Amino acid sequence: MPEVSNFYGIRICFYFLDHNPPHFHAEYGTFKALVDIQDGAVIRGHLPGKQLKLVLAWCEIHREELLKNWELAKSGNPVNPINPLI
């Protein structure tokens, strides 16, 4: 599972050859969530409130880059790093 960003203890990853809809995986400690890139909604899982707000803000800022990485990962190609929140 390639990591594309890491900020405030939150790890953002994609799986190669993953299923639709376009999404990424966010991990914080033992918490895990799948986040829809298009609408910024949690598809499955859970993150604590503060971390979820950070992830959704980051998703909104980097939506275009995330969609490009989704297409790369879906095709089995390496993904590009995305700047973290600072």
PDB file of N, CA and C in Angstrom:
ATOM      1  N   MET A   1       0.856  -1.168   0.000  1.00  0.00           N
ATOM      2  CA  MET A   1       0.000   0.000   0.000  1.00  0.00           C
ATOM      3  C   MET A   1       0.904   1.233   0.000  1.00  0.00           C
ATOM      4  N   PRO A   2       1.042   1.902  -1.134  1.00  0.00           N
ATOM      5  CA  PRO A   2       1.932   3.064  -1.207  1.00  0.00           C
ATOM      6  C   PRO A   2       1.388   4.280  -0.457  1.00  0.00           C
ATOM      7  N   GLU A   3       2.257   4.869   0.330  1.00  0.00           N
ATOM      8  CA  GLU A   3       1.908   6.075   1.080  1.00  0.00           C
ATOM      9  C   GLU A   3       2.145   7.290   0.183  1.00  0.00           C
ATOM     10  N   VAL A   4       1.159   8.211   0.143  1.00  0.00           N
ATOM     11  CA  VAL A   4       1.319   9.427  -0.653  1.00  0.00           C
ATOM     12  C   VAL A   4       1.516  10.657   0.215  1.00  0.00           C
ATOM     13  N   SER A   5       1.104  10.582   1.483  1.00  0.00           N
ATOM     14  CA  SER A   5       1.288  11.715   2.380  1.00  0.00           C
ATOM     15  C   SER A   5       1.202  11.235   3.826  1.00  0.00           C
ATOM     16  N   ASN A   6       1.781  12.056   4.708  1.00  0.00           N
ATOM     17  CA  ASN A   6       1.766  11.742   6.132  1.00  0.00           C
ATOM     18  C   ASN A   6       1.850  13.057   6.882  1.00  0.00           C
ATOM     19  N   PHE A   7       0.847  13.331   7.713  1.00  0.00           N
ATOM     20  CA  PHE A   7       0.825  14.587   8.468  1.00  0.00           C
ATOM     21  C   PHE A   7       0.078  14.395   9.782  1.00  0.00           C
ATOM     22  N   TYR A   8       0.607  15.002  10.826  1.00  0.00           N
ATOM     23  CA  TYR A   8       0.000  14.951  12.160  1.00  0.00           C
ATOM     24  C   TYR A   8      -0.335  13.525  12.592  1.00  0.00           C
ATOM     25  N   GLY A   9       0.511  12.582  12.221  1.00  0.00           N
ATOM     26  CA  GLY A   9       0.303  11.183  12.587  1.00  0.00           C
ATOM     27  C   GLY A   9      -0.709  10.457  11.718  1.00  0.00           C
ATOM     28  N   ILE A  10      -1.175  11.113  10.662  1.00  0.00           N
ATOM     29  CA  ILE A  10      -2.158  10.525   9.748  1.00  0.00           C
ATOM     30  C   ILE A  10      -1.432  10.070   8.493  1.00  0.00           C
ATOM     31  N   ARG A  11      -1.649   8.831   8.131  1.00  0.00           N
ATOM     32  CA  ARG A  11      -1.010   8.245   6.951  1.00  0.00           C
ATOM     33  C   ARG A  11      -2.055   8.120   5.846  1.00  0.00           C
ATOM     34  N   ILE A  12      -1.740   8.618   4.638  1.00  0.00           N
ATOM     35  CA  ILE A  12      -2.646   8.549   3.496  1.00  0.00           C
ATOM     36  C   ILE A  12      -2.034   7.610   2.458  1.00  0.00           C
ATOM     37  N   CYS A  13      -2.828   6.600   2.038  1.00  0.00           N
ATOM     38  CA  CYS A  13      -2.320   5.572   1.129  1.00  0.00           C
ATOM     39  C   CYS A  13      -3.339   5.229   0.057  1.00  0.00           C
ATOM     40  N   PHE A  14      -2.846   4.592  -0.984  1.00  0.00           N
ATOM     41  CA  PHE A  14      -3.681   4.001  -2.032  1.00  0.00           C
ATOM     42  C   PHE A  14      -3.324   2.524  -2.126  1.00  0.00           C
ATOM     43  N   TYR A  15      -4.271   1.708  -2.539  1.00  0.00           N
ATOM     44  CA  TYR A  15      -3.994   0.318  -2.897  1.00  0.00           C
ATOM     45  C   TYR A  15      -3.907   0.249  -4.407  1.00  0.00           C
ATOM     46  N   PHE A  16      -2.990  -0.554  -4.916  1.00  0.00           N
ATOM     47  CA  PHE A  16      -2.932  -0.782  -6.351  1.00  0.00           C
ATOM     48  C   PHE A  16      -4.142  -1.612  -6.779  1.00  0.00           C
ATOM     49  N   LEU A  17      -4.634  -1.322  -7.968  1.00  0.00           N
ATOM     50  CA  LEU A  17      -5.736  -2.081  -8.592  1.00  0.00           C
ATOM     51  C   LEU A  17      -6.981  -2.108  -7.698  1.00  0.00           C
ATOM     52  N   ASP A  18      -7.277  -1.006  -7.022  1.00  0.00           N
ATOM     53  CA  ASP A  18      -8.390  -0.922  -6.068  1.00  0.00           C
ATOM     54  C   ASP A  18      -9.724  -0.740  -6.791  1.00  0.00           C
ATOM     55  N   HIS A  19     -10.814  -0.876  -6.074  1.00  0.00           N
ATOM     56  CA  HIS A  19     -12.182  -0.809  -6.593  1.00  0.00           C
ATOM     57  C   HIS A  19     -12.702   0.632  -6.586  1.00  0.00           C
ATOM     58  N   ASN A  20     -13.734   0.884  -7.403  1.00  0.00           N
ATOM     59  CA  ASN A  20     -14.411   2.183  -7.408  1.00  0.00           C
ATOM     60  C   ASN A  20     -15.333   2.288  -6.211  1.00  0.00           C
ATOM     61  N   PRO A  21     -15.714   3.459  -5.787  1.00  0.00           N
ATOM     62  CA  PRO A  21     -15.421   4.785  -6.320  1.00  0.00           C
ATOM     63  C   PRO A  21     -14.007   5.212  -5.963  1.00  0.00           C
ATOM     64  N   PRO A  22     -13.487   6.252  -6.655  1.00  0.00           N
ATOM     65  CA  PRO A  22     -12.148   6.748  -6.329  1.00  0.00           C
ATOM     66  C   PRO A  22     -12.053   7.131  -4.852  1.00  0.00           C
ATOM     67  N   HIS A  23     -11.070   6.553  -4.165  1.00  0.00           N
ATOM     68  CA  HIS A  23     -10.936   6.792  -2.728  1.00  0.00           C
ATOM     69  C   HIS A  23      -9.485   6.604  -2.297  1.00  0.00           C
ATOM     70  N   PHE A  24      -9.209   7.026  -1.082  1.00  0.00           N
ATOM     71  CA  PHE A  24      -7.904   6.767  -0.476  1.00  0.00           C
ATOM     72  C   PHE A  24      -8.129   6.209   0.920  1.00  0.00           C
ATOM     73  N   HIS A  25      -7.082   5.662   1.479  1.00  0.00           N
ATOM     74  CA  HIS A  25      -7.117   5.074   2.810  1.00  0.00           C
ATOM     75  C   HIS A  25      -6.399   6.015   3.765  1.00  0.00           C
ATOM     76  N   ALA A  26      -7.040   6.348   4.866  1.00  0.00           N
ATOM     77  CA  ALA A  26      -6.437   7.203   5.894  1.00  0.00           C
ATOM     78  C   ALA A  26      -6.318   6.375   7.173  1.00  0.00           C
ATOM     79  N   GLU A  27      -5.144   6.450   7.801  1.00  0.00           N
ATOM     80  CA  GLU A  27      -4.897   5.712   9.039  1.00  0.00           C
ATOM     81  C   GLU A  27      -4.367   6.666  10.102  1.00  0.00           C
ATOM     82  N   TYR A  28      -4.865   6.496  11.299  1.00  0.00           N
ATOM     83  CA  TYR A  28      -4.383   7.265  12.443  1.00  0.00           C
ATOM     84  C   TYR A  28      -4.392   6.317  13.635  1.00  0.00           C
ATOM     85  N   GLY A  29      -3.208   5.881  14.058  1.00  0.00           N
ATOM     86  CA  GLY A  29      -3.137   4.883  15.128  1.00  0.00           C
ATOM     87  C   GLY A  29      -3.870   3.625  14.708  1.00  0.00           C
ATOM     88  N   THR A  30      -4.830   3.210  15.506  1.00  0.00           N
ATOM     89  CA  THR A  30      -5.609   2.010  15.190  1.00  0.00           C
ATOM     90  C   THR A  30      -6.855   2.323  14.368  1.00  0.00           C
ATOM     91  N   PHE A  31      -7.100   3.594  14.082  1.00  0.00           N
ATOM     92  CA  PHE A  31      -8.272   4.017  13.311  1.00  0.00           C
ATOM     93  C   PHE A  31      -7.961   3.985  11.820  1.00  0.00           C
ATOM     94  N   LYS A  32      -8.939   3.535  11.035  1.00  0.00           N
ATOM     95  CA  LYS A  32      -8.781   3.474   9.584  1.00  0.00           C
ATOM     96  C   LYS A  32     -10.089   3.906   8.927  1.00  0.00           C
ATOM     97  N   ALA A  33      -9.952   4.617   7.798  1.00  0.00           N
ATOM     98  CA  ALA A  33     -11.133   5.042   7.050  1.00  0.00           C
ATOM     99  C   ALA A  33     -10.819   5.075   5.563  1.00  0.00           C
ATOM    100  N   LEU A  34     -11.824   4.775   4.759  1.00  0.00           N
ATOM    101  CA  LEU A  34     -11.762   4.957   3.317  1.00  0.00           C
ATOM    102  C   LEU A  34     -12.514   6.245   3.031  1.00  0.00           C
ATOM    103  N   VAL A  35     -11.884   7.165   2.288  1.00  0.00           N
ATOM    104  CA  VAL A  35     -12.479   8.468   2.013  1.00  0.00           C
ATOM    105  C   VAL A  35     -12.693   8.626   0.514  1.00  0.00           C
ATOM    106  N   ASP A  36     -13.927   8.931   0.129  1.00  0.00           N
ATOM    107  CA  ASP A  36     -14.281   9.194  -1.259  1.00  0.00           C
ATOM    108  C   ASP A  36     -13.615  10.494  -1.698  1.00  0.00           C
ATOM    109  N   ILE A  37     -12.847  10.452  -2.766  1.00  0.00           N
ATOM    110  CA  ILE A  37     -12.121  11.634  -3.230  1.00  0.00           C
ATOM    111  C   ILE A  37     -13.084  12.685  -3.790  1.00  0.00           C
ATOM    112  N   GLN A  38     -14.087  12.259  -4.503  1.00  0.00           N
ATOM    113  CA  GLN A  38     -14.989  13.194  -5.185  1.00  0.00           C
ATOM    114  C   GLN A  38     -15.778  14.067  -4.219  1.00  0.00           C
ATOM    115  N   ASP A  39     -16.366  13.460  -3.193  1.00  0.00           N
ATOM    116  CA  ASP A  39     -17.226  14.253  -2.295  1.00  0.00           C
ATOM    117  C   ASP A  39     -16.692  14.376  -0.868  1.00  0.00           C
ATOM    118  N   GLY A  40     -15.529  13.807  -0.602  1.00  0.00           N
ATOM    119  CA  GLY A  40     -14.928  13.949   0.718  1.00  0.00           C
ATOM    120  C   GLY A  40     -15.724  13.296   1.830  1.00  0.00           C
ATOM    121  N   ALA A  41     -16.400  12.201   1.525  1.00  0.00           N
ATOM    122  CA  ALA A  41     -17.202  11.488   2.526  1.00  0.00           C
ATOM    123  C   ALA A  41     -16.498  10.194   2.925  1.00  0.00           C
ATOM    124  N   VAL A  42     -16.675   9.796   4.171  1.00  0.00           N
ATOM    125  CA  VAL A  42     -16.131   8.521   4.631  1.00  0.00           C
ATOM    126  C   VAL A  42     -17.010   7.406   4.084  1.00  0.00           C
ATOM    127  N   ILE A  43     -16.399   6.503   3.342  1.00  0.00           N
ATOM    128  CA  ILE A  43     -17.108   5.366   2.766  1.00  0.00           C
ATOM    129  C   ILE A  43     -17.246   4.254   3.807  1.00  0.00           C
ATOM    130  N   ARG A  44     -16.141   4.038   4.533  1.00  0.00           N
ATOM    131  CA  ARG A  44     -16.128   2.965   5.533  1.00  0.00           C
ATOM    132  C   ARG A  44     -15.070   3.302   6.569  1.00  0.00           C
ATOM    133  N   GLY A  45     -15.298   2.896   7.779  1.00  0.00           N
ATOM    134  CA  GLY A  45     -14.331   3.090   8.843  1.00  0.00           C
ATOM    135  C   GLY A  45     -14.607   4.344   9.647  1.00  0.00           C
ATOM    136  N   HIS A  46     -13.583   4.747  10.426  1.00  0.00           N
ATOM    137  CA  HIS A  46     -13.766   5.864  11.353  1.00  0.00           C
ATOM    138  C   HIS A  46     -12.413   6.471  11.706  1.00  0.00           C
ATOM    139  N   LEU A  47     -12.388   7.794  11.810  1.00  0.00           N
ATOM    140  CA  LEU A  47     -11.251   8.532  12.352  1.00  0.00           C
ATOM    141  C   LEU A  47     -11.786   9.431  13.454  1.00  0.00           C
ATOM    142  N   PRO A  48     -10.980   9.740  14.471  1.00  0.00           N
ATOM    143  CA  PRO A  48     -11.420  10.705  15.476  1.00  0.00           C
ATOM    144  C   PRO A  48     -11.742  12.048  14.816  1.00  0.00           C
ATOM    145  N   GLY A  49     -12.635  12.808  15.432  1.00  0.00           N
ATOM    146  CA  GLY A  49     -13.146  14.048  14.866  1.00  0.00           C
ATOM    147  C   GLY A  49     -12.095  15.014  14.355  1.00  0.00           C
ATOM    148  N   LYS A  50     -11.094  15.321  15.161  1.00  0.00           N
ATOM    149  CA  LYS A  50     -10.070  16.281  14.767  1.00  0.00           C
ATOM    150  C   LYS A  50      -9.295  15.779  13.549  1.00  0.00           C
ATOM    151  N   GLN A  51      -8.910  14.520  13.567  1.00  0.00           N
ATOM    152  CA  GLN A  51      -8.146  13.950  12.464  1.00  0.00           C
ATOM    153  C   GLN A  51      -9.004  13.867  11.193  1.00  0.00           C
ATOM    154  N   LEU A  52     -10.282  13.555  11.349  1.00  0.00           N
ATOM    155  CA  LEU A  52     -11.167  13.510  10.192  1.00  0.00           C
ATOM    156  C   LEU A  52     -11.267  14.889   9.548  1.00  0.00           C
ATOM    157  N   LYS A  53     -11.393  15.933  10.340  1.00  0.00           N
ATOM    158  CA  LYS A  53     -11.455  17.292   9.793  1.00  0.00           C
ATOM    159  C   LYS A  53     -10.184  17.626   9.024  1.00  0.00           C
ATOM    160  N   LEU A  54      -9.024  17.240   9.557  1.00  0.00           N
ATOM    161  CA  LEU A  54      -7.759  17.481   8.866  1.00  0.00           C
ATOM    162  C   LEU A  54      -7.710  16.732   7.532  1.00  0.00           C
ATOM    163  N   VAL A  55      -8.117  15.473   7.538  1.00  0.00           N
ATOM    164  CA  VAL A  55      -8.095  14.656   6.321  1.00  0.00           C
ATOM    165  C   VAL A  55      -9.034  15.242   5.271  1.00  0.00           C
ATOM    166  N   LEU A  56     -10.227  15.653   5.669  1.00  0.00           N
ATOM    167  CA  LEU A  56     -11.179  16.185   4.698  1.00  0.00           C
ATOM    168  C   LEU A  56     -10.718  17.523   4.127  1.00  0.00           C
ATOM    169  N   ALA A  57     -10.092  18.355   4.958  1.00  0.00           N
ATOM    170  CA  ALA A  57      -9.542  19.624   4.462  1.00  0.00           C
ATOM    171  C   ALA A  57      -8.417  19.344   3.466  1.00  0.00           C
ATOM    172  N   TRP A  58      -7.537  18.402   3.805  1.00  0.00           N
ATOM    173  CA  TRP A  58      -6.438  18.024   2.922  1.00  0.00           C
ATOM    174  C   TRP A  58      -6.984  17.477   1.609  1.00  0.00           C
ATOM    175  N   CYS A  59      -8.028  16.664   1.678  1.00  0.00           N
ATOM    176  CA  CYS A  59      -8.653  16.091   0.486  1.00  0.00           C
ATOM    177  C   CYS A  59      -9.172  17.202  -0.432  1.00  0.00           C
ATOM    178  N   GLU A  60      -9.815  18.177   0.131  1.00  0.00           N
ATOM    179  CA  GLU A  60     -10.364  19.277  -0.669  1.00  0.00           C
ATOM    180  C   GLU A  60      -9.243  20.050  -1.372  1.00  0.00           C
ATOM    181  N   ILE A  61      -8.164  20.312  -0.657  1.00  0.00           N
ATOM    182  CA  ILE A  61      -7.027  21.056  -1.209  1.00  0.00           C
ATOM    183  C   ILE A  61      -6.347  20.284  -2.339  1.00  0.00           C
ATOM    184  N   HIS A  62      -6.263  18.973  -2.204  1.00  0.00           N
ATOM    185  CA  HIS A  62      -5.476  18.147  -3.128  1.00  0.00           C
ATOM    186  C   HIS A  62      -6.322  17.224  -4.003  1.00  0.00           C
ATOM    187  N   ARG A  63      -7.599  17.547  -4.198  1.00  0.00           N
ATOM    188  CA  ARG A  63      -8.519  16.660  -4.932  1.00  0.00           C
ATOM    189  C   ARG A  63      -7.975  16.290  -6.322  1.00  0.00           C
ATOM    190  N   GLU A  64      -7.479  17.256  -7.071  1.00  0.00           N
ATOM    191  CA  GLU A  64      -6.990  16.969  -8.417  1.00  0.00           C
ATOM    192  C   GLU A  64      -5.814  15.997  -8.385  1.00  0.00           C
ATOM    193  N   GLU A  65      -4.869  16.223  -7.483  1.00  0.00           N
ATOM    194  CA  GLU A  65      -3.721  15.321  -7.350  1.00  0.00           C
ATOM    195  C   GLU A  65      -4.162  13.929  -6.908  1.00  0.00           C
ATOM    196  N   LEU A  66      -5.134  13.871  -6.009  1.00  0.00           N
ATOM    197  CA  LEU A  66      -5.652  12.591  -5.542  1.00  0.00           C
ATOM    198  C   LEU A  66      -6.293  11.809  -6.678  1.00  0.00           C
ATOM    199  N   LEU A  67      -7.063  12.498  -7.514  1.00  0.00           N
ATOM    200  CA  LEU A  67      -7.700  11.811  -8.649  1.00  0.00           C
ATOM    201  C   LEU A  67      -6.659  11.296  -9.640  1.00  0.00           C
ATOM    202  N   LYS A  68      -5.600  12.052  -9.856  1.00  0.00           N
ATOM    203  CA  LYS A  68      -4.524  11.573 -10.735  1.00  0.00           C
ATOM    204  C   LYS A  68      -3.860  10.338 -10.134  1.00  0.00           C
ATOM    205  N   ASN A  69      -3.605  10.372  -8.837  1.00  0.00           N
ATOM    206  CA  ASN A  69      -3.008   9.204  -8.172  1.00  0.00           C
ATOM    207  C   ASN A  69      -3.946   8.011  -8.200  1.00  0.00           C
ATOM    208  N   TRP A  70      -5.249   8.259  -8.072  1.00  0.00           N
ATOM    209  CA  TRP A  70      -6.225   7.173  -8.146  1.00  0.00           C
ATOM    210  C   TRP A  70      -6.093   6.436  -9.482  1.00  0.00           C
ATOM    211  N   GLU A  71      -6.018   7.199 -10.568  1.00  0.00           N
ATOM    212  CA  GLU A  71      -5.904   6.589 -11.891  1.00  0.00           C
ATOM    213  C   GLU A  71      -4.599   5.804 -12.017  1.00  0.00           C
ATOM    214  N   LEU A  72      -3.515   6.356 -11.473  1.00  0.00           N
ATOM    215  CA  LEU A  72      -2.244   5.640 -11.505  1.00  0.00           C
ATOM    216  C   LEU A  72      -2.330   4.328 -10.734  1.00  0.00           C
ATOM    217  N   ALA A  73      -2.833   4.392  -9.506  1.00  0.00           N
ATOM    218  CA  ALA A  73      -2.917   3.195  -8.660  1.00  0.00           C
ATOM    219  C   ALA A  73      -3.865   2.162  -9.252  1.00  0.00           C
ATOM    220  N   LYS A  74      -4.978   2.637  -9.792  1.00  0.00           N
ATOM    221  CA  LYS A  74      -5.967   1.732 -10.385  1.00  0.00           C
ATOM    222  C   LYS A  74      -5.357   0.943 -11.540  1.00  0.00           C
ATOM    223  N   SER A  75      -4.396   1.557 -12.218  1.00  0.00           N
ATOM    224  CA  SER A  75      -3.716   0.904 -13.340  1.00  0.00           C
ATOM    225  C   SER A  75      -2.488   0.119 -12.902  1.00  0.00           C
ATOM    226  N   GLY A  76      -2.191   0.138 -11.595  1.00  0.00           N
ATOM    227  CA  GLY A  76      -1.045  -0.591 -11.084  1.00  0.00           C
ATOM    228  C   GLY A  76       0.270   0.163 -11.204  1.00  0.00           C
ATOM    229  N   ASN A  77       0.193   1.475 -11.452  1.00  0.00           N
ATOM    230  CA  ASN A  77       1.397   2.295 -11.595  1.00  0.00           C
ATOM    231  C   ASN A  77       1.754   2.996 -10.288  1.00  0.00           C
ATOM    232  N   PRO A  78       3.023   3.378 -10.128  1.00  0.00           N
ATOM    233  CA  PRO A  78       3.430   4.096  -8.914  1.00  0.00           C
ATOM    234  C   PRO A  78       2.678   5.422  -8.776  1.00  0.00           C
ATOM    235  N   VAL A  79       2.385   5.780  -7.538  1.00  0.00           N
ATOM    236  CA  VAL A  79       1.686   7.038  -7.254  1.00  0.00           C
ATOM    237  C   VAL A  79       2.694   8.119  -6.879  1.00  0.00           C
ATOM    238  N   ASN A  80       2.261   9.365  -6.979  1.00  0.00           N
ATOM    239  CA  ASN A  80       3.108  10.513  -6.675  1.00  0.00           C
ATOM    240  C   ASN A  80       2.863  11.002  -5.250  1.00  0.00           C
ATOM    241  N   PRO A  81       3.903  11.468  -4.578  1.00  0.00           N
ATOM    242  CA  PRO A  81       3.705  12.044  -3.241  1.00  0.00           C
ATOM    243  C   PRO A  81       2.882  13.332  -3.339  1.00  0.00           C
ATOM    244  N   ILE A  82       2.135  13.598  -2.287  1.00  0.00           N
ATOM    245  CA  ILE A  82       1.321  14.819  -2.184  1.00  0.00           C
ATOM    246  C   ILE A  82       1.718  15.541  -0.907  1.00  0.00           C
ATOM    247  N   ASN A  83       1.875  16.844  -1.000  1.00  0.00           N
ATOM    248  CA  ASN A  83       2.294  17.629   0.153  1.00  0.00           C
ATOM    249  C   ASN A  83       1.351  17.444   1.338  1.00  0.00           C
ATOM    250  N   PRO A  84       1.902  17.352   2.531  1.00  0.00           N
ATOM    251  CA  PRO A  84       1.072  17.235   3.735  1.00  0.00           C
ATOM    252  C   PRO A  84       0.512  18.590   4.147  1.00  0.00           C
ATOM    253  N   LEU A  85      -0.420  18.555   5.080  1.00  0.00           N
ATOM    254  CA  LEU A  85      -0.852  19.800   5.719  1.00  0.00           C
ATOM    255  C   LEU A  85       0.285  20.275   6.612  1.00  0.00           C
ATOM    256  N   ILE A  86       0.493  21.569   6.652  1.00  0.00           N
ATOM    257  CA  ILE A  86       1.527  22.110   7.545  1.00  0.00           C
ATOM    258  C   ILE A  86       0.952  23.214   8.395  1.00  0.00           C
TER     259      ILE A  86
END
